[in-house]
PDB file of N, CA and C in Angstrom:
ATOM      1  N   MET A   1      -5.902 -14.982   7.295  1.00  0.00           N
ATOM      2  CA  MET A   1      -5.014 -13.907   7.637  1.00  0.00           C
ATOM      3  C   MET A   1      -3.927 -13.842   6.583  1.00  0.00           C
ATOM      4  N   ALA A   2      -3.430 -12.631   6.361  1.00  0.00           N
ATOM      5  CA  ALA A   2      -2.356 -12.443   5.392  1.00  0.00           C
ATOM      6  C   ALA A   2      -1.159 -11.820   6.090  1.00  0.00           C
ATOM      7  N   GLY A   3       0.032 -12.111   5.588  1.00  0.00           N
ATOM      8  CA  GLY A   3       1.233 -11.559   6.188  1.00  0.00           C
ATOM      9  C   GLY A   3       2.428 -11.708   5.272  1.00  0.00           C
ATOM     10  N   ILE A   4       3.579 -11.381   5.830  1.00  0.00           N
ATOM     11  CA  ILE A   4       4.844 -11.461   5.113  1.00  0.00           C
ATOM     12  C   ILE A   4       5.736 -12.439   5.862  1.00  0.00           C
ATOM     13  N   PRO A   5       6.346 -13.401   5.167  1.00  0.00           N
ATOM     14  CA  PRO A   5       7.162 -14.410   5.857  1.00  0.00           C
ATOM     15  C   PRO A   5       8.512 -13.855   6.323  1.00  0.00           C
ATOM     16  N   ILE A   6       8.591 -13.526   7.592  1.00  0.00           N
ATOM     17  CA  ILE A   6       9.826 -13.010   8.180  1.00  0.00           C
ATOM     18  C   ILE A   6      10.128 -13.811   9.442  1.00  0.00           C
ATOM     19  N   THR A   7      11.377 -14.237   9.568  1.00  0.00           N
ATOM     20  CA  THR A   7      11.816 -14.891  10.796  1.00  0.00           C
ATOM     21  C   THR A   7      12.936 -14.051  11.397  1.00  0.00           C
ATOM     22  N   ALA A   8      13.515 -14.516  12.478  1.00  0.00           N
ATOM     23  CA  ALA A   8      14.606 -13.780  13.118  1.00  0.00           C
ATOM     24  C   ALA A   8      15.832 -13.677  12.211  1.00  0.00           C
ATOM     25  N   THR A   9      15.981 -14.602  11.269  1.00  0.00           N
ATOM     26  CA  THR A   9      17.176 -14.605  10.423  1.00  0.00           C
ATOM     27  C   THR A   9      16.904 -14.458   8.929  1.00  0.00           C
ATOM     28  N   THR A  10      15.648 -14.568   8.497  1.00  0.00           N
ATOM     29  CA  THR A  10      15.356 -14.494   7.062  1.00  0.00           C
ATOM     30  C   THR A  10      14.157 -13.598   6.787  1.00  0.00           C
ATOM     31  N   SER A  11      14.095 -13.121   5.562  1.00  0.00           N
ATOM     32  CA  SER A  11      12.943 -12.375   5.069  1.00  0.00           C
ATOM     33  C   SER A  11      12.762 -12.752   3.609  1.00  0.00           C
ATOM     34  N   ASP A  12      11.868 -13.690   3.360  1.00  0.00           N
ATOM     35  CA  ASP A  12      11.675 -14.199   2.005  1.00  0.00           C
ATOM     36  C   ASP A  12      10.889 -13.248   1.119  1.00  0.00           C
ATOM     37  N   GLY A  13      10.127 -12.357   1.693  1.00  0.00           N
ATOM     38  CA  GLY A  13       9.291 -11.469   0.917  1.00  0.00           C
ATOM     39  C   GLY A  13       8.065 -12.177   0.391  1.00  0.00           C
ATOM     40  N   GLY A  14       7.210 -11.415  -0.213  1.00  0.00           N
ATOM     41  CA  GLY A  14       5.985 -11.977  -0.753  1.00  0.00           C
ATOM     42  C   GLY A  14       4.853 -11.941   0.250  1.00  0.00           C
ATOM     43  N   VAL A  15       3.665 -12.265  -0.246  1.00  0.00           N
ATOM     44  CA  VAL A  15       2.467 -12.292   0.582  1.00  0.00           C
ATOM     45  C   VAL A  15       2.082 -13.747   0.819  1.00  0.00           C
ATOM     46  N   VAL A  16       1.828 -14.085   2.063  1.00  0.00           N
ATOM     47  CA  VAL A  16       1.349 -15.424   2.408  1.00  0.00           C
ATOM     48  C   VAL A  16       0.028 -15.281   3.144  1.00  0.00           C
ATOM     49  N   ILE A  17      -0.796 -16.310   3.042  1.00  0.00           N
ATOM     50  CA  ILE A  17      -2.022 -16.353   3.824  1.00  0.00           C
ATOM     51  C   ILE A  17      -1.940 -17.535   4.770  1.00  0.00           C
ATOM     52  N   TYR A  18      -2.605 -17.391   5.901  1.00  0.00           N
ATOM     53  CA  TYR A  18      -2.650 -18.449   6.899  1.00  0.00           C
ATOM     54  C   TYR A  18      -4.106 -18.851   7.069  1.00  0.00           C
ATOM     55  N   SER A  19      -4.374 -20.133   6.947  1.00  0.00           N
ATOM     56  CA  SER A  19      -5.725 -20.652   7.111  1.00  0.00           C
ATOM     57  C   SER A  19      -5.940 -21.072   8.560  1.00  0.00           C
ATOM     58  N   LEU A  20      -6.922 -20.486   9.198  1.00  0.00           N
ATOM     59  CA  LEU A  20      -7.260 -20.891  10.565  1.00  0.00           C
ATOM     60  C   LEU A  20      -7.842 -22.292  10.588  1.00  0.00           C
ATOM     61  N   GLU A  21      -8.483 -22.697   9.482  1.00  0.00           N
ATOM     62  CA  GLU A  21      -9.062 -24.036   9.378  1.00  0.00           C
ATOM     63  C   GLU A  21      -7.991 -25.121   9.313  1.00  0.00           C
ATOM     64  N   THR A  22      -7.056 -24.964   8.356  1.00  0.00           N
ATOM     65  CA  THR A  22      -6.046 -26.000   8.134  1.00  0.00           C
ATOM     66  C   THR A  22      -4.773 -25.778   8.948  1.00  0.00           C
ATOM     67  N   LYS A  23      -4.626 -24.556   9.507  1.00  0.00           N
ATOM     68  CA  LYS A  23      -3.434 -24.183  10.262  1.00  0.00           C
ATOM     69  C   LYS A  23      -2.161 -24.280   9.407  1.00  0.00           C
ATOM     70  N   LYS A  24      -2.310 -23.879   8.123  1.00  0.00           N
ATOM     71  CA  LYS A  24      -1.179 -23.916   7.194  1.00  0.00           C
ATOM     72  C   LYS A  24      -1.015 -22.570   6.494  1.00  0.00           C
ATOM     73  N   TYR A  25       0.244 -22.299   6.120  1.00  0.00           N
ATOM     74  CA  TYR A  25       0.582 -21.112   5.347  1.00  0.00           C
ATOM     75  C   TYR A  25       0.607 -21.468   3.872  1.00  0.00           C
ATOM     76  N   GLU A  26       0.235 -20.478   3.042  1.00  0.00           N
ATOM     77  CA  GLU A  26       0.325 -20.659   1.599  1.00  0.00           C
ATOM     78  C   GLU A  26       0.850 -19.360   0.984  1.00  0.00           C
ATOM     79  N   ARG A  27       1.886 -19.474   0.173  1.00  0.00           N
ATOM     80  CA  ARG A  27       2.468 -18.303  -0.479  1.00  0.00           C
ATOM     81  C   ARG A  27       1.619 -17.926  -1.684  1.00  0.00           C
ATOM     82  N   LEU A  28       1.246 -16.638  -1.748  1.00  0.00           N
ATOM     83  CA  LEU A  28       0.482 -16.135  -2.890  1.00  0.00           C
ATOM     84  C   LEU A  28       1.364 -15.430  -3.905  1.00  0.00           C
ATOM     85  N   THR A  29       2.386 -14.709  -3.422  1.00  0.00           N
ATOM     86  CA  THR A  29       3.264 -13.961  -4.314  1.00  0.00           C
ATOM     87  C   THR A  29       4.705 -14.105  -3.852  1.00  0.00           C
ATOM     88  N   ASN A  30       5.632 -13.847  -4.756  1.00  0.00           N
ATOM     89  CA  ASN A  30       7.050 -13.877  -4.396  1.00  0.00           C
ATOM     90  C   ASN A  30       7.562 -12.519  -3.950  1.00  0.00           C
ATOM     91  N   GLY A  31       6.811 -11.485  -4.217  1.00  0.00           N
ATOM     92  CA  GLY A  31       7.160 -10.136  -3.799  1.00  0.00           C
ATOM     93  C   GLY A  31       5.923  -9.451  -3.287  1.00  0.00           C
ATOM     94  N   GLY A  32       6.126  -8.308  -2.676  1.00  0.00           N
ATOM     95  CA  GLY A  32       4.958  -7.547  -2.285  1.00  0.00           C
ATOM     96  C   GLY A  32       4.969  -7.050  -0.860  1.00  0.00           C
ATOM     97  N   PHE A  33       5.092  -5.741  -0.734  1.00  0.00           N
ATOM     98  CA  PHE A  33       4.951  -5.072   0.551  1.00  0.00           C
ATOM     99  C   PHE A  33       4.824  -3.593   0.271  1.00  0.00           C
ATOM    100  N   PRO A  34       3.931  -2.924   0.868  1.00  0.00           N
ATOM    101  CA  PRO A  34       2.871  -3.382   1.768  1.00  0.00           C
ATOM    102  C   PRO A  34       1.711  -3.971   0.976  1.00  0.00           C
ATOM    103  N   PHE A  35       0.703  -4.429   1.695  1.00  0.00           N
ATOM    104  CA  PHE A  35      -0.469  -4.991   1.037  1.00  0.00           C
ATOM    105  C   PHE A  35      -1.709  -4.648   1.855  1.00  0.00           C
ATOM    106  N   ALA A  36      -2.875  -4.815   1.220  1.00  0.00           N
ATOM    107  CA  ALA A  36      -4.153  -4.535   1.884  1.00  0.00           C
ATOM    108  C   ALA A  36      -5.234  -5.393   1.242  1.00  0.00           C
ATOM    109  N   TRP A  37      -6.192  -5.811   2.053  1.00  0.00           N
ATOM    110  CA  TRP A  37      -7.332  -6.577   1.548  1.00  0.00           C
ATOM    111  C   TRP A  37      -8.316  -5.646   0.858  1.00  0.00           C
ATOM    112  N   PHE A  38      -8.873  -6.085  -0.254  1.00  0.00           N
ATOM    113  CA  PHE A  38     -10.000  -5.394  -0.864  1.00  0.00           C
ATOM    114  C   PHE A  38     -11.250  -5.696  -0.043  1.00  0.00           C
ATOM    115  N   PRO A  39     -12.272  -4.850  -0.125  1.00  0.00           N
ATOM    116  CA  PRO A  39     -13.500  -5.097   0.649  1.00  0.00           C
ATOM    117  C   PRO A  39     -14.190  -6.413   0.315  1.00  0.00           C
ATOM    118  N   ASP A  40     -13.944  -6.962  -0.877  1.00  0.00           N
ATOM    119  CA  ASP A  40     -14.593  -8.232  -1.229  1.00  0.00           C
ATOM    120  C   ASP A  40     -14.032  -9.411  -0.430  1.00  0.00           C
ATOM    121  N   GLY A  41     -12.938  -9.193   0.315  1.00  0.00           N
ATOM    122  CA  GLY A  41     -12.361 -10.255   1.139  1.00  0.00           C
ATOM    123  C   GLY A  41     -11.718 -11.371   0.347  1.00  0.00           C
ATOM    124  N   ARG A  42     -11.578 -11.178  -0.935  1.00  0.00           N
ATOM    125  CA  ARG A  42     -11.029 -12.223  -1.796  1.00  0.00           C
ATOM    126  C   ARG A  42      -9.716 -11.815  -2.448  1.00  0.00           C
ATOM    127  N   ARG A  43      -9.561 -10.506  -2.695  1.00  0.00           N
ATOM    128  CA  ARG A  43      -8.367 -10.017  -3.368  1.00  0.00           C
ATOM    129  C   ARG A  43      -7.503  -9.193  -2.428  1.00  0.00           C
ATOM    130  N   ILE A  44      -6.205  -9.225  -2.708  1.00  0.00           N
ATOM    131  CA  ILE A  44      -5.229  -8.447  -1.947  1.00  0.00           C
ATOM    132  C   ILE A  44      -4.510  -7.517  -2.920  1.00  0.00           C
ATOM    133  N   LEU A  45      -4.403  -6.259  -2.537  1.00  0.00           N
ATOM    134  CA  LEU A  45      -3.614  -5.289  -3.278  1.00  0.00           C
ATOM    135  C   LEU A  45      -2.222  -5.298  -2.681  1.00  0.00           C
ATOM    136  N   TYR A  46      -1.197  -5.357  -3.521  1.00  0.00           N
ATOM    137  CA  TYR A  46       0.161  -5.338  -2.994  1.00  0.00           C
ATOM    138  C   TYR A  46       1.086  -4.582  -3.935  1.00  0.00           C
ATOM    139  N   ARG A  47       2.163  -4.112  -3.361  1.00  0.00           N
ATOM    140  CA  ARG A  47       3.176  -3.403  -4.123  1.00  0.00           C
ATOM    141  C   ARG A  47       4.336  -4.349  -4.388  1.00  0.00           C
ATOM    142  N   ASP A  48       4.796  -4.368  -5.625  1.00  0.00           N
ATOM    143  CA  ASP A  48       5.983  -5.131  -5.982  1.00  0.00           C
ATOM    144  C   ASP A  48       6.891  -4.191  -6.763  1.00  0.00           C
ATOM    145  N   LYS A  49       7.996  -3.817  -6.149  1.00  0.00           N
ATOM    146  CA  LYS A  49       8.914  -2.808  -6.679  1.00  0.00           C
ATOM    147  C   LYS A  49       8.155  -1.501  -6.847  1.00  0.00           C
ATOM    148  N   ASN A  50       7.990  -1.020  -8.067  1.00  0.00           N
ATOM    149  CA  ASN A  50       7.329   0.265  -8.277  1.00  0.00           C
ATOM    150  C   ASN A  50       5.961   0.097  -8.947  1.00  0.00           C
ATOM    151  N   SER A  51       5.351  -1.071  -8.782  1.00  0.00           N
ATOM    152  CA  SER A  51       4.057  -1.366  -9.391  1.00  0.00           C
ATOM    153  C   SER A  51       3.061  -1.841  -8.338  1.00  0.00           C
ATOM    154  N   LEU A  52       1.775  -1.696  -8.655  1.00  0.00           N
ATOM    155  CA  LEU A  52       0.708  -2.234  -7.808  1.00  0.00           C
ATOM    156  C   LEU A  52       0.046  -3.397  -8.521  1.00  0.00           C
ATOM    157  N   TRP A  53      -0.251  -4.428  -7.756  1.00  0.00           N
ATOM    158  CA  TRP A  53      -0.850  -5.653  -8.279  1.00  0.00           C
ATOM    159  C   TRP A  53      -1.988  -6.088  -7.371  1.00  0.00           C
ATOM    160  N   THR A  54      -2.852  -6.944  -7.903  1.00  0.00           N
ATOM    161  CA  THR A  54      -3.813  -7.654  -7.064  1.00  0.00           C
ATOM    162  C   THR A  54      -3.554  -9.142  -7.224  1.00  0.00           C
ATOM    163  N   VAL A  55      -3.889  -9.867  -6.178  1.00  0.00           N
ATOM    164  CA  VAL A  55      -3.864 -11.326  -6.246  1.00  0.00           C
ATOM    165  C   VAL A  55      -5.173 -11.825  -5.638  1.00  0.00           C
ATOM    166  N   ASP A  56      -5.793 -12.770  -6.322  1.00  0.00           N
ATOM    167  CA  ASP A  56      -7.012 -13.408  -5.843  1.00  0.00           C
ATOM    168  C   ASP A  56      -6.582 -14.625  -5.039  1.00  0.00           C
ATOM    169  N   PHE A  57      -6.898 -14.651  -3.750  1.00  0.00           N
ATOM    170  CA  PHE A  57      -6.350 -15.738  -2.938  1.00  0.00           C
ATOM    171  C   PHE A  57      -7.009 -17.078  -3.217  1.00  0.00           C
ATOM    172  N   GLU A  58      -8.163 -17.104  -3.887  1.00  0.00           N
ATOM    173  CA  GLU A  58      -8.784 -18.378  -4.235  1.00  0.00           C
ATOM    174  C   GLU A  58      -8.201 -18.961  -5.522  1.00  0.00           C
ATOM    175  N   THR A  59      -8.022 -18.108  -6.543  1.00  0.00           N
ATOM    176  CA  THR A  59      -7.523 -18.598  -7.832  1.00  0.00           C
ATOM    177  C   THR A  59      -6.009 -18.456  -7.970  1.00  0.00           C
ATOM    178  N   LYS A  60      -5.389 -17.636  -7.108  1.00  0.00           N
ATOM    179  CA  LYS A  60      -3.943 -17.343  -7.128  1.00  0.00           C
ATOM    180  C   LYS A  60      -3.531 -16.527  -8.345  1.00  0.00           C
ATOM    181  N   LYS A  61      -4.475 -15.980  -9.098  1.00  0.00           N
ATOM    182  CA  LYS A  61      -4.165 -15.180 -10.276  1.00  0.00           C
ATOM    183  C   LYS A  61      -3.799 -13.760  -9.847  1.00  0.00           C
ATOM    184  N   THR A  62      -2.745 -13.245 -10.480  1.00  0.00           N
ATOM    185  CA  THR A  62      -2.324 -11.869 -10.221  1.00  0.00           C
ATOM    186  C   THR A  62      -2.712 -11.000 -11.403  1.00  0.00           C
ATOM    187  N   GLN A  63      -2.890  -9.704 -11.129  1.00  0.00           N
ATOM    188  CA  GLN A  63      -3.260  -8.763 -12.176  1.00  0.00           C
ATOM    189  C   GLN A  63      -2.600  -7.423 -11.880  1.00  0.00           C
ATOM    190  N   PRO A  64      -1.932  -6.834 -12.882  1.00  0.00           N
ATOM    191  CA  PRO A  64      -1.344  -5.511 -12.660  1.00  0.00           C
ATOM    192  C   PRO A  64      -2.433  -4.449 -12.570  1.00  0.00           C
ATOM    193  N   ILE A  65      -2.236  -3.490 -11.670  1.00  0.00           N
ATOM    194  CA  ILE A  65      -3.185  -2.393 -11.492  1.00  0.00           C
ATOM    195  C   ILE A  65      -2.567  -1.071 -11.937  1.00  0.00           C
ATOM    196  N   LEU A  66      -1.345  -0.823 -11.500  1.00  0.00           N
ATOM    197  CA  LEU A  66      -0.643   0.415 -11.835  1.00  0.00           C
ATOM    198  C   LEU A  66       0.814   0.072 -12.035  1.00  0.00           C
ATOM    199  N   ASP A  67       1.349   0.390 -13.219  1.00  0.00           N
ATOM    200  CA  ASP A  67       2.709  -0.053 -13.517  1.00  0.00           C
ATOM    201  C   ASP A  67       3.793   0.912 -13.048  1.00  0.00           C
ATOM    202  N   ARG A  68       3.454   2.155 -12.693  1.00  0.00           N
ATOM    203  CA  ARG A  68       4.476   3.082 -12.195  1.00  0.00           C
ATOM    204  C   ARG A  68       3.874   3.935 -11.093  1.00  0.00           C
ATOM    205  N   LEU A  69       4.368   3.741  -9.896  1.00  0.00           N
ATOM    206  CA  LEU A  69       3.879   4.518  -8.766  1.00  0.00           C
ATOM    207  C   LEU A  69       4.464   5.911  -8.720  1.00  0.00           C
ATOM    208  N   GLY A  70       5.600   6.104  -9.300  1.00  0.00           N
ATOM    209  CA  GLY A  70       6.252   7.396  -9.236  1.00  0.00           C
ATOM    210  C   GLY A  70       7.394   7.373  -8.245  1.00  0.00           C
ATOM    211  N   THR A  71       8.239   8.365  -8.344  1.00  0.00           N
ATOM    212  CA  THR A  71       9.436   8.442  -7.519  1.00  0.00           C
ATOM    213  C   THR A  71       9.085   8.765  -6.075  1.00  0.00           C
ATOM    214  N   GLY A  72       9.733   8.082  -5.156  1.00  0.00           N
ATOM    215  CA  GLY A  72       9.634   8.427  -3.741  1.00  0.00           C
ATOM    216  C   GLY A  72       8.462   7.855  -2.984  1.00  0.00           C
ATOM    217  N   ILE A  73       7.620   7.017  -3.599  1.00  0.00           N
ATOM    218  CA  ILE A  73       6.500   6.436  -2.859  1.00  0.00           C
ATOM    219  C   ILE A  73       7.066   5.524  -1.771  1.00  0.00           C
ATOM    220  N   GLN A  74       6.635   5.743  -0.564  1.00  0.00           N
ATOM    221  CA  GLN A  74       7.162   5.017   0.585  1.00  0.00           C
ATOM    222  C   GLN A  74       6.574   3.612   0.690  1.00  0.00           C
ATOM    223  N   ASN A  75       7.402   2.652   1.100  1.00  0.00           N
ATOM    224  CA  ASN A  75       6.941   1.273   1.261  1.00  0.00           C
ATOM    225  C   ASN A  75       5.898   1.124   2.356  1.00  0.00           C
ATOM    226  N   GLN A  76       6.027   1.887   3.429  1.00  0.00           N
ATOM    227  CA  GLN A  76       5.142   1.716   4.562  1.00  0.00           C
ATOM    228  C   GLN A  76       3.827   2.473   4.393  1.00  0.00           C
ATOM    229  N   ALA A  77       3.754   3.379   3.449  1.00  0.00           N
ATOM    230  CA  ALA A  77       2.612   4.281   3.361  1.00  0.00           C
ATOM    231  C   ALA A  77       1.736   3.958   2.162  1.00  0.00           C
ATOM    232  N   LEU A  78       0.927   2.939   2.266  1.00  0.00           N
ATOM    233  CA  LEU A  78       0.011   2.555   1.212  1.00  0.00           C
ATOM    234  C   LEU A  78      -1.257   2.068   1.895  1.00  0.00           C
ATOM    235  N   ALA A  79      -2.394   2.674   1.588  1.00  0.00           N
ATOM    236  CA  ALA A  79      -3.643   2.285   2.238  1.00  0.00           C
ATOM    237  C   ALA A  79      -4.764   2.254   1.214  1.00  0.00           C
ATOM    238  N   LEU A  80      -5.606   1.267   1.333  1.00  0.00           N
ATOM    239  CA  LEU A  80      -6.767   1.111   0.465  1.00  0.00           C
ATOM    240  C   LEU A  80      -8.003   1.487   1.271  1.00  0.00           C
ATOM    241  N   ALA A  81      -8.804   2.414   0.741  1.00  0.00           N
ATOM    242  CA  ALA A  81     -10.012   2.860   1.434  1.00  0.00           C
ATOM    243  C   ALA A  81     -11.068   1.755   1.432  1.00  0.00           C
ATOM    244  N   PRO A  82     -12.020   1.829   2.356  1.00  0.00           N
ATOM    245  CA  PRO A  82     -13.067   0.801   2.433  1.00  0.00           C
ATOM    246  C   PRO A  82     -13.904   0.660   1.161  1.00  0.00           C
ATOM    247  N   ASP A  83     -13.925   1.692   0.303  1.00  0.00           N
ATOM    248  CA  ASP A  83     -14.685   1.576  -0.945  1.00  0.00           C
ATOM    249  C   ASP A  83     -13.980   0.698  -1.975  1.00  0.00           C
ATOM    250  N   GLY A  84     -12.711   0.345  -1.728  1.00  0.00           N
ATOM    251  CA  GLY A  84     -11.964  -0.503  -2.655  1.00  0.00           C
ATOM    252  C   GLY A  84     -11.560   0.196  -3.929  1.00  0.00           C
ATOM    253  N   ARG A  85     -11.818   1.501  -4.025  1.00  0.00           N
ATOM    254  CA  ARG A  85     -11.512   2.238  -5.246  1.00  0.00           C
ATOM    255  C   ARG A  85     -10.573   3.407  -5.008  1.00  0.00           C
ATOM    256  N   THR A  86     -10.301   3.715  -3.753  1.00  0.00           N
ATOM    257  CA  THR A  86      -9.477   4.860  -3.417  1.00  0.00           C
ATOM    258  C   THR A  86      -8.208   4.383  -2.741  1.00  0.00           C
ATOM    259  N   LEU A  87      -7.069   4.878  -3.231  1.00  0.00           N
ATOM    260  CA  LEU A  87      -5.773   4.471  -2.718  1.00  0.00           C
ATOM    261  C   LEU A  87      -5.042   5.684  -2.177  1.00  0.00           C
ATOM    262  N   LEU A  88      -4.431   5.536  -1.020  1.00  0.00           N
ATOM    263  CA  LEU A  88      -3.598   6.584  -0.446  1.00  0.00           C
ATOM    264  C   LEU A  88      -2.157   6.104  -0.487  1.00  0.00           C
ATOM    265  N   ALA A  89      -1.295   6.928  -1.062  1.00  0.00           N
ATOM    266  CA  ALA A  89       0.137   6.647  -1.087  1.00  0.00           C
ATOM    267  C   ALA A  89       0.858   7.918  -0.675  1.00  0.00           C
ATOM    268  N   VAL A  90       1.896   7.788   0.105  1.00  0.00           N
ATOM    269  CA  VAL A  90       2.664   8.938   0.565  1.00  0.00           C
ATOM    270  C   VAL A  90       3.996   8.958  -0.160  1.00  0.00           C
ATOM    271  N   ARG A  91       4.360  10.131  -0.646  1.00  0.00           N
ATOM    272  CA  ARG A  91       5.610  10.278  -1.382  1.00  0.00           C
ATOM    273  C   ARG A  91       6.600  11.076  -0.552  1.00  0.00           C
ATOM    274  N   ALA A  92       7.828  10.581  -0.457  1.00  0.00           N
ATOM    275  CA  ALA A  92       8.894  11.322   0.209  1.00  0.00           C
ATOM    276  C   ALA A  92       9.362  12.399  -0.763  1.00  0.00           C
ATOM    277  N   ASP A  93       9.500  13.594  -0.270  1.00  0.00           N
ATOM    278  CA  ASP A  93       9.864  14.710  -1.132  1.00  0.00           C
ATOM    279  C   ASP A  93      10.744  15.652  -0.334  1.00  0.00           C
ATOM    280  N   ASN A  94      11.759  16.204  -0.952  1.00  0.00           N
ATOM    281  CA  ASN A  94      12.642  17.110  -0.231  1.00  0.00           C
ATOM    282  C   ASN A  94      12.266  18.569  -0.468  1.00  0.00           C
ATOM    283  N   GLN A  95      11.092  18.806  -1.007  1.00  0.00           N
ATOM    284  CA  GLN A  95      10.602  20.164  -1.212  1.00  0.00           C
ATOM    285  C   GLN A  95       9.606  20.511  -0.111  1.00  0.00           C
ATOM    286  N   SER A  96       9.390  21.803   0.081  1.00  0.00           N
ATOM    287  CA  SER A  96       8.362  22.240   1.011  1.00  0.00           C
ATOM    288  C   SER A  96       7.722  23.504   0.466  1.00  0.00           C
ATOM    289  N   ASP A  97       6.557  23.813   0.938  1.00  0.00           N
ATOM    290  CA  ASP A  97       5.841  25.010   0.508  1.00  0.00           C
ATOM    291  C   ASP A  97       5.858  26.030   1.620  1.00  0.00           C
ATOM    292  N   ILE A  98       6.036  27.282   1.250  1.00  0.00           N
ATOM    293  CA  ILE A  98       5.955  28.383   2.200  1.00  0.00           C
ATOM    294  C   ILE A  98       4.871  29.314   1.683  1.00  0.00           C
ATOM    295  N   TRP A  99       3.886  29.583   2.508  1.00  0.00           N
ATOM    296  CA  TRP A  99       2.788  30.456   2.124  1.00  0.00           C
ATOM    297  C   TRP A  99       3.027  31.819   2.761  1.00  0.00           C
ATOM    298  N   MET A 100       3.097  32.854   1.915  1.00  0.00           N
ATOM    299  CA  MET A 100       3.323  34.229   2.387  1.00  0.00           C
ATOM    300  C   MET A 100       2.009  34.991   2.287  1.00  0.00           C
ATOM    301  N   LEU A 101       1.610  35.606   3.382  1.00  0.00           N
ATOM    302  CA  LEU A 101       0.401  36.412   3.385  1.00  0.00           C
ATOM    303  C   LEU A 101       0.773  37.858   3.182  1.00  0.00           C
ATOM    304  N   GLY A 102       0.143  38.503   2.223  1.00  0.00           N
ATOM    305  CA  GLY A 102       0.415  39.910   1.945  1.00  0.00           C
ATOM    306  C   GLY A 102      -0.417  40.816   2.837  1.00  0.00           C
ATOM    307  N   ALA A 103      -0.118  42.135   2.816  1.00  0.00           N
ATOM    308  CA  ALA A 103      -0.831  43.112   3.646  1.00  0.00           C
ATOM    309  C   ALA A 103      -2.316  43.121   3.353  1.00  0.00           C
ATOM    310  N   ALA A 104      -2.714  42.894   2.114  1.00  0.00           N
ATOM    311  CA  ALA A 104      -4.136  42.912   1.757  1.00  0.00           C
ATOM    312  C   ALA A 104      -4.873  41.706   2.332  1.00  0.00           C
ATOM    313  N   GLU A 105      -4.150  40.716   2.802  1.00  0.00           N
ATOM    314  CA  GLU A 105      -4.773  39.488   3.300  1.00  0.00           C
ATOM    315  C   GLU A 105      -4.771  39.412   4.820  1.00  0.00           C
ATOM    316  N   THR A 106      -4.547  40.518   5.536  1.00  0.00           N
ATOM    317  CA  THR A 106      -4.548  40.469   6.996  1.00  0.00           C
ATOM    318  C   THR A 106      -5.963  40.375   7.494  1.00  0.00           C
ATOM    319  N   ALA A 107      -6.113  39.878   8.691  1.00  0.00           N
ATOM    320  CA  ALA A 107      -7.428  39.708   9.287  1.00  0.00           C
ATOM    321  C   ALA A 107      -8.047  41.056   9.597  1.00  0.00           C
ATOM    322  N   PRO A 108      -9.389  41.174   9.525  1.00  0.00           N
ATOM    323  CA  PRO A 108     -10.051  42.437   9.828  1.00  0.00           C
ATOM    324  C   PRO A 108      -9.712  42.914  11.246  1.00  0.00           C
ATOM    325  N   GLY A 109      -9.493  44.234  11.388  1.00  0.00           N
ATOM    326  CA  GLY A 109      -9.193  44.816  12.693  1.00  0.00           C
ATOM    327  C   GLY A 109      -7.740  44.775  13.076  1.00  0.00           C
ATOM    328  N   THR A 110      -6.862  44.239  12.218  1.00  0.00           N
ATOM    329  CA  THR A 110      -5.433  44.224  12.526  1.00  0.00           C
ATOM    330  C   THR A 110      -4.764  45.334  11.747  1.00  0.00           C
ATOM    331  N   PRO A 111      -3.743  45.992  12.318  1.00  0.00           N
ATOM    332  CA  PRO A 111      -3.073  47.081  11.628  1.00  0.00           C
ATOM    333  C   PRO A 111      -2.294  46.624  10.420  1.00  0.00           C
TER     334      PRO A 111
END
């Protein structure tokens, strides 16, 4: 299992794994939230500041994936698709779109 070390009074950050076999925690990274397992069950994708990284929980090696996520990417909104190749990220934006339908675009039978 993977998680983030948070107690009632502290939040150290980083990704830790818990072994059901040994009943021990092991820190994989010093930063990183949110995170998701790759389908191979061996690597974890995580965000550290404005970059995406992977960490292999067996070798503990980290690798950069994307060095700039862009402005406004939300910490809570990061998901890895089951194919392990598609990433969903949500960006906070203060803009909105308004779609205006003209008279030529009215539905048939309407005045």
